[in-house]
Protein backbone atom coordinates (compact mmCIF):
# COMPACT_ATOMS: atom_id res chain seq x y z
CA MET A 1 13.34 3.76 23.19
CA LYS A 2 14.40 0.14 22.82
CA SER A 3 13.03 -0.69 26.27
CA LEU A 4 9.66 0.85 25.37
CA LEU A 5 9.58 -1.04 22.07
CA LEU A 6 10.29 -4.36 23.80
CA LYS A 7 7.67 -3.54 26.42
CA GLU A 8 5.01 -2.94 23.75
CA ILE A 9 5.89 -6.15 21.92
CA ASN A 10 5.84 -8.05 25.21
CA VAL A 11 2.35 -6.68 25.92
CA PHE A 12 1.14 -8.19 22.65
CA PHE A 13 2.59 -11.62 23.31
CA SER A 14 2.15 -11.81 27.07
CA GLY A 15 -1.58 -12.07 26.48
CA VAL A 16 -3.69 -13.40 23.63
CA ILE A 17 -3.79 -10.27 21.46
CA GLY A 18 -0.68 -10.90 19.38
CA TYR A 19 -1.31 -14.61 18.94
CA LEU A 20 -4.97 -14.06 18.14
CA VAL A 21 -4.23 -11.48 15.44
CA ILE A 22 -1.68 -13.73 13.76
CA ILE A 23 -3.90 -16.81 13.97
CA VAL A 24 -6.96 -15.00 12.60
CA PHE A 25 -4.94 -13.47 9.76
CA LEU A 26 -3.45 -16.82 8.75
CA ALA A 27 -6.70 -18.73 9.21
CA LEU A 28 -8.78 -16.36 7.07
CA ASN A 29 -6.18 -16.24 4.33
CA GLY A 30 -5.78 -20.01 4.44
CA ILE A 31 -9.53 -20.57 4.13
CA PHE A 32 -9.86 -18.33 1.08
CA LEU A 33 -6.63 -19.49 -0.59
CA TRP A 34 -6.90 -23.25 -0.05
CA LEU A 35 -10.44 -24.25 0.92
CA PHE A 36 -13.07 -21.96 -0.61
CA PRO A 37 -13.43 -22.37 -4.38
CA GLY A 38 -13.27 -19.16 -6.38
CA GLN A 39 -10.93 -16.60 -7.84
CA PHE A 40 -8.66 -16.57 -4.78
CA ASN A 41 -8.17 -20.34 -4.54
CA LEU A 42 -4.56 -21.16 -5.40
CA LEU A 43 -5.24 -24.71 -6.53
CA ASN A 44 -8.10 -23.69 -8.84
CA SER A 45 -6.28 -20.81 -10.49
CA GLY A 46 -4.16 -23.04 -12.69
CA TYR A 47 -1.17 -20.73 -12.33
CA ALA A 48 1.87 -20.96 -10.10
CA ASN A 49 1.41 -17.75 -8.12
CA ILE A 50 0.01 -16.52 -4.82
CA ASP A 51 -1.71 -13.42 -6.20
CA GLY A 52 -4.82 -14.28 -4.19
CA LEU A 53 -2.89 -13.59 -0.99
CA PHE A 54 -2.07 -10.07 -2.12
CA LEU A 55 -5.67 -9.42 -3.14
CA ILE A 56 -7.18 -10.58 0.16
CA SER A 57 -4.57 -9.39 2.66
CA PRO A 58 -5.18 -5.61 2.32
CA TRP A 59 -8.75 -6.14 3.49
CA MET A 60 -7.74 -8.55 6.25
CA LEU A 61 -5.10 -6.14 7.53
CA MET A 62 -7.60 -3.29 7.34
CA LEU A 63 -9.62 -5.09 10.02
CA LEU A 64 -6.82 -6.55 12.10
CA ILE A 65 -4.37 -3.63 12.35
CA PRO A 66 -6.92 -1.22 13.88
CA ALA A 67 -7.61 -3.98 16.42
CA ILE A 68 -3.89 -3.98 17.24
CA THR A 69 -3.43 -0.22 17.50
CA MET A 70 -6.73 0.80 19.11
CA ARG A 71 -5.45 0.24 22.64
CA MET A 72 -1.98 1.78 22.28
CA PHE A 73 -2.84 5.29 23.43
CA ALA A 74 -6.56 5.00 24.13
CA ASP A 75 -6.00 2.47 26.89
CA GLU A 76 -3.17 4.54 28.38
CA LYS A 77 -5.45 7.58 28.46
CA LYS A 78 -8.34 5.70 30.00
CA SER A 79 -6.20 4.12 32.71
CA GLY A 80 -4.28 7.34 33.38
CA THR A 81 -0.86 5.81 32.66
CA ILE A 82 -0.30 8.21 29.76
CA GLU A 83 0.82 10.90 32.21
CA LEU A 84 3.37 8.53 33.73
CA LEU A 85 4.60 7.57 30.27
CA LEU A 86 5.08 11.21 29.26
CA THR A 87 7.23 11.86 32.34
CA ARG A 88 9.70 9.14 31.43
CA PRO A 89 13.00 10.14 29.73
CA PHE A 90 11.64 9.73 26.21
CA THR A 91 10.77 12.38 23.69
CA ASP A 92 7.22 12.43 22.35
CA PHE A 93 8.41 11.14 19.01
CA GLN A 94 10.35 8.28 20.63
CA ILE A 95 7.17 7.20 22.40
CA VAL A 96 5.17 7.38 19.19
CA PHE A 97 7.83 5.62 17.14
CA ALA A 98 8.34 2.81 19.66
CA LYS A 99 4.62 2.04 19.73
CA TYR A 100 4.50 2.27 15.94
CA LEU A 101 7.40 -0.13 15.46
CA SER A 102 5.77 -2.64 17.81
CA ALA A 103 2.64 -2.61 15.62
CA VAL A 104 4.73 -3.01 12.46
CA ALA A 105 6.62 -5.88 14.11
CA LEU A 106 3.33 -7.69 14.67
CA VAL A 107 2.47 -7.16 10.98
CA VAL A 108 5.82 -8.69 10.02
CA PHE A 109 5.24 -11.64 12.38
CA SER A 110 1.88 -12.17 10.67
CA LEU A 111 3.35 -12.13 7.16
CA ILE A 112 6.33 -14.41 7.77
CA PRO A 113 4.28 -17.65 8.10
CA THR A 114 2.61 -16.92 4.72
CA PHE A 115 5.91 -17.76 3.04
CA ILE A 116 4.79 -21.37 3.44
CA TYR A 117 2.17 -20.56 0.76
CA PHE A 118 4.96 -19.40 -1.52
CA TYR A 119 7.03 -22.51 -0.81
CA THR A 120 4.04 -24.80 -1.41
CA VAL A 121 3.22 -23.22 -4.78
CA TYR A 122 6.93 -23.25 -5.62
CA GLN A 123 6.99 -27.02 -5.10
CA LEU A 124 3.67 -27.59 -6.88
CA GLY A 125 4.76 -25.68 -9.97
CA ASN A 126 5.37 -27.55 -13.20
CA PRO A 127 8.34 -27.61 -13.39
CA VAL A 128 9.22 -27.13 -9.72
CA GLY A 129 10.11 -23.51 -9.10
CA ASN A 130 7.93 -22.20 -11.91
CA ILE A 131 6.88 -19.07 -10.01
CA ASP A 132 7.84 -15.43 -10.38
CA THR A 133 9.98 -15.14 -7.25
CA GLY A 134 10.98 -11.53 -7.91
CA GLY A 135 7.40 -10.43 -8.48
CA THR A 136 6.23 -12.26 -5.36
CA LEU A 137 8.89 -10.63 -3.18
CA GLY A 138 7.95 -7.24 -4.64
CA SER A 139 4.34 -7.92 -3.69
CA TYR A 140 5.41 -8.73 -0.15
CA VAL A 141 7.24 -5.40 0.05
CA GLY A 142 4.10 -3.63 -1.13
CA LEU A 143 1.98 -5.45 1.45
CA LEU A 144 4.44 -4.51 4.19
CA PHE A 145 4.31 -0.84 3.16
CA LEU A 146 0.52 -1.00 3.16
CA GLY A 147 0.38 -2.62 6.60
CA ALA A 148 2.87 -0.08 7.95
CA SER A 149 0.65 2.74 6.65
CA TYR A 150 -2.42 1.21 8.30
CA ALA A 151 -0.46 1.01 11.56
CA ALA A 152 0.42 4.72 11.43
CA ILE A 153 -3.24 5.59 10.86
CA GLY A 154 -4.36 3.33 13.69
CA LEU A 155 -1.85 4.84 16.09
CA PHE A 156 -3.11 8.33 15.25
CA THR A 157 -6.76 7.46 15.88
CA SER A 158 -5.79 5.82 19.17
CA SER A 159 -4.11 9.06 20.27
CA ILE A 160 -7.19 11.23 19.76
CA THR A 161 -9.57 9.28 22.01
CA ASP A 162 -9.66 7.24 25.18
CA ASN A 163 -12.28 4.90 23.74
CA GLN A 164 -10.87 1.83 22.00
CA VAL A 165 -14.05 1.19 20.00
CA ILE A 166 -14.05 4.73 18.61
CA SER A 167 -10.35 4.37 17.78
CA PHE A 168 -11.03 1.10 15.94
CA ILE A 169 -13.93 2.49 13.91
CA ALA A 170 -12.11 5.73 13.05
CA SER A 171 -9.00 3.82 11.98
CA LEU A 172 -11.06 1.40 9.89
CA LEU A 173 -12.84 4.26 8.10
CA ILE A 174 -9.66 6.23 7.38
CA CYS A 175 -7.82 3.12 6.14
CA PHE A 176 -10.78 2.25 3.92
CA PHE A 177 -10.90 5.77 2.50
CA PHE A 178 -7.18 5.85 1.76
CA TYR A 179 -7.26 2.39 0.19
CA PHE A 180 -10.52 2.55 -1.76
CA GLY A 181 -12.03 6.03 -1.39
CA PHE A 182 -9.70 7.88 -3.73
CA ASP A 183 -10.35 5.28 -6.45
CA HIS A 184 -14.06 6.02 -6.18
CA LEU A 185 -13.53 9.79 -6.19
CA ALA A 186 -11.32 9.55 -9.27
CA GLY A 187 -14.20 7.89 -11.12
CA LEU A 188 -16.49 10.90 -10.60
CA ASP A 189 -16.92 13.35 -13.48
CA PHE A 190 -16.61 16.24 -11.03
CA PHE A 191 -12.79 16.12 -11.06
CA GLY A 192 -12.48 16.02 -14.85
CA ASN A 193 -8.85 15.90 -15.96
CA PHE A 194 -7.62 15.68 -12.37
CA ASP A 195 -8.80 12.08 -12.03
CA LEU A 196 -5.27 10.68 -12.29
CA VAL A 197 -4.08 13.08 -9.59
CA ILE A 198 -6.89 11.98 -7.28
CA LEU A 199 -6.16 8.33 -8.09
CA SER A 200 -2.50 8.77 -7.19
CA LEU A 201 -3.49 9.95 -3.69
CA GLY A 202 -4.93 6.53 -2.87
CA MET A 203 -3.01 3.58 -1.46
CA ASN A 204 -4.50 1.08 -3.87
CA GLU A 205 -2.85 2.69 -6.90
CA HIS A 206 0.62 2.43 -5.37
CA TYR A 207 0.02 -0.96 -3.78
CA ALA A 208 -1.19 -2.36 -7.10
CA SER A 209 1.99 -1.07 -8.74
CA MET A 210 4.16 -2.81 -6.15
CA SER A 211 2.05 -5.97 -6.40
CA ARG A 212 3.21 -6.30 -9.99
CA GLY A 213 6.71 -6.69 -8.63
CA VAL A 214 7.76 -3.17 -9.55
CA ILE A 215 9.40 -1.33 -6.66
CA ASN A 216 9.94 2.29 -7.65
CA LEU A 217 10.79 5.45 -5.78
CA VAL A 218 7.39 7.08 -6.36
CA ASP A 219 5.42 4.32 -4.65
CA ALA A 220 7.89 3.98 -1.77
CA THR A 221 7.90 7.76 -1.26
CA TYR A 222 4.10 7.82 -1.19
CA PHE A 223 3.83 5.22 1.57
CA LEU A 224 6.67 6.78 3.58
CA SER A 225 4.93 10.16 3.28
CA VAL A 226 1.63 8.75 4.58
CA ILE A 227 3.43 7.06 7.47
CA THR A 228 5.36 10.23 8.34
CA LEU A 229 2.22 12.38 8.12
CA PHE A 230 0.24 10.29 10.61
CA LEU A 231 3.18 9.77 12.98
CA LEU A 232 3.77 13.53 13.11
CA ALA A 233 0.04 14.06 13.63
CA THR A 234 0.16 11.59 16.53
CA ARG A 235 3.12 13.41 18.07
CA THR A 236 1.23 16.70 17.72
CA VAL A 237 -1.72 15.22 19.60
CA LEU A 238 0.62 14.15 22.42
CA LYS A 239 2.26 17.56 22.52
CA SER A 240 -1.14 19.25 22.75
CA ARG A 241 -1.58 17.76 26.23
CA LYS A 242 1.23 20.06 27.41
CA TRP A 243 -0.23 23.23 25.92
């Protein structure tokens, strides 16, 4: 599985895809956090924190991660190499997990350079270091869980079609629904006293909890459950080709 993982990562960085995703992610965040005036601007906020990063990034990742994952299976199906891949000495789940980990690795590579934002605000604080380090690290963990969940969804949509555009759109819609849709449904009178249950099914509720620097078992279990669900669904799609 390690060889397949390294192959997938190498595919990202042997071309422009990996570099482009990271550059776009950093550029868009940098523009909103440092250049554009408004609620996300770190210098205008008056507080030593990088909360703007954790407000913008879920939406940025929602666009960029489907762009990363859309080719993973769809391109293999279209080119016919999926059959060759399935004959190699890997289990279906090893194939799915290797591709998934490569997508998560790219998310991690995208997040690492943003620590310069943390360091900058750390130095600009009055006094120096006047920033909630624990809360910030907790927010990073939440963002990583969110990105990992997006990646699992994107991998699933890529497995059900050989069209990369369809995979991208389907992944974008599912990610949007899981992040924002349940919040909207919970606000409807139709669900009555079940609104909190509906709210807890959405990613935003658990991500917001982690963004406050609180890492608890409930939120971690939720994200791990979503990831597991979509990875198993992807494996099922692969297995269906043998039925």
